[in-house]
Protein backbone atom coordinates (compact mmCIF):
# COMPACT_ATOMS: atom_id res chain seq x y z
CA MET A 1 -4.97 -24.18 -18.61
CA THR A 2 -3.94 -23.16 -15.08
CA LYS A 3 -2.45 -19.71 -14.49
CA THR A 4 0.54 -19.52 -12.17
CA LEU A 5 0.21 -16.83 -9.52
CA SER A 6 3.40 -14.82 -9.15
CA THR A 7 2.62 -11.45 -7.55
CA LEU A 8 0.85 -10.24 -4.41
CA SER A 9 -0.39 -6.65 -4.12
CA VAL A 10 -1.05 -5.39 -0.60
CA ILE A 11 -3.31 -2.34 -0.62
CA ILE A 12 -3.14 -0.12 2.47
CA PRO A 13 -5.62 2.73 2.87
CA CYS A 14 -4.16 5.41 5.14
CA PHE A 15 -5.63 8.37 7.00
CA ASN A 16 -3.63 10.13 9.73
CA GLU A 17 -1.38 7.15 10.49
CA GLU A 18 1.89 9.06 10.92
CA LYS A 19 2.78 7.17 14.10
CA THR A 20 2.08 3.66 12.75
CA ILE A 21 2.41 3.58 8.94
CA ALA A 22 6.17 2.86 8.90
CA SER A 23 5.73 -0.13 11.22
CA VAL A 24 2.80 -1.39 9.13
CA ILE A 25 4.95 -1.22 5.99
CA GLU A 26 7.79 -2.99 7.80
CA ARG A 27 5.49 -5.77 8.99
CA VAL A 28 4.06 -6.24 5.50
CA THR A 29 7.53 -6.46 3.93
CA ASP A 30 8.65 -8.94 6.61
CA ALA A 31 5.61 -11.21 6.15
CA ASP A 32 5.86 -14.55 4.36
CA THR A 33 4.52 -14.08 0.83
CA LEU A 34 4.70 -17.80 0.05
CA GLY A 35 7.08 -17.11 -2.81
CA LEU A 36 4.96 -14.39 -4.44
CA GLU A 37 6.62 -11.16 -5.48
CA LEU A 38 5.35 -8.37 -3.20
CA GLY A 39 3.97 -5.02 -4.27
CA ILE A 40 2.62 -2.48 -1.80
CA VAL A 41 0.13 0.24 -2.71
CA ILE A 42 -0.60 2.89 -0.09
CA VAL A 43 -3.42 5.34 -0.65
CA ASP A 44 -3.20 8.37 1.63
CA ASP A 45 -6.76 9.66 1.92
CA ALA A 46 -5.86 13.33 2.52
CA SER A 47 -4.12 12.87 5.86
CA THR A 48 -3.55 16.06 7.80
CA ASP A 49 -0.62 14.76 9.87
CA GLY A 50 2.80 13.66 8.57
CA SER A 51 1.61 10.36 7.08
CA SER A 52 2.70 11.23 3.54
CA ASP A 53 6.17 12.17 4.76
CA ARG A 54 6.52 8.81 6.55
CA ILE A 55 5.31 6.96 3.44
CA LEU A 56 7.81 8.79 1.24
CA GLU A 57 10.61 7.94 3.69
CA CYS A 58 9.63 4.27 3.45
CA ALA A 59 9.52 4.45 -0.34
CA VAL A 60 13.26 5.17 -0.32
CA LYS A 61 13.84 1.86 1.47
CA TYR A 62 11.21 -0.02 -0.58
CA PRO A 63 11.34 1.35 -4.15
CA SER A 64 8.53 -0.92 -5.34
CA LEU A 65 6.12 0.81 -2.95
CA ILE A 66 3.45 2.80 -4.79
CA HIS A 67 2.11 5.89 -3.00
CA HIS A 68 -1.04 7.63 -4.16
CA ALA A 69 -2.54 10.62 -2.33
CA HIS A 70 -6.12 11.84 -2.48
CA GLU A 71 -6.42 15.62 -2.35
CA THR A 72 -9.63 15.42 -0.31
CA ASN A 73 -10.76 12.77 2.14
CA GLN A 74 -13.03 10.34 0.30
CA GLY A 75 -13.25 7.48 2.77
CA LYS A 76 -11.86 3.97 3.01
CA GLY A 77 -13.93 2.60 0.12
CA ALA A 78 -12.62 5.21 -2.29
CA ALA A 79 -9.07 4.61 -1.05
CA LEU A 80 -9.46 0.90 -1.75
CA ILE A 81 -10.87 1.55 -5.23
CA THR A 82 -7.88 3.79 -5.98
CA GLY A 83 -5.54 1.11 -4.61
CA PHE A 84 -7.11 -1.61 -6.76
CA ALA A 85 -6.63 0.61 -9.82
CA GLN A 86 -2.94 1.14 -8.96
CA ALA A 87 -2.16 -2.49 -8.06
CA SER A 88 -0.94 -5.01 -10.61
CA GLY A 89 -0.71 -8.26 -8.64
CA ASP A 90 -2.34 -11.59 -9.35
CA VAL A 91 -3.65 -11.59 -5.77
CA PHE A 92 -4.84 -8.54 -3.82
CA LEU A 93 -4.77 -8.26 -0.05
CA PHE A 94 -6.01 -5.33 1.99
């Protein structure tokens, strides 16, 4: 039996990306998903700039966006592990 793939989860680790995170989210949402439903998971790894504020502003425009914030910086690997735990797609992209 072959499973049909229907959802794509894009996991974005973030640390002090206030100036670029909104454009990254925009580019991801504009990308061709080849018919897969898109889910975005952003893990803010304890940014000290306004990254979380920018992510929350984008979440208003993209309600399916999942935002998770680490209280202390744990590194990219930990951010990806958190993102994988939050994602629900058939295919993961990071």
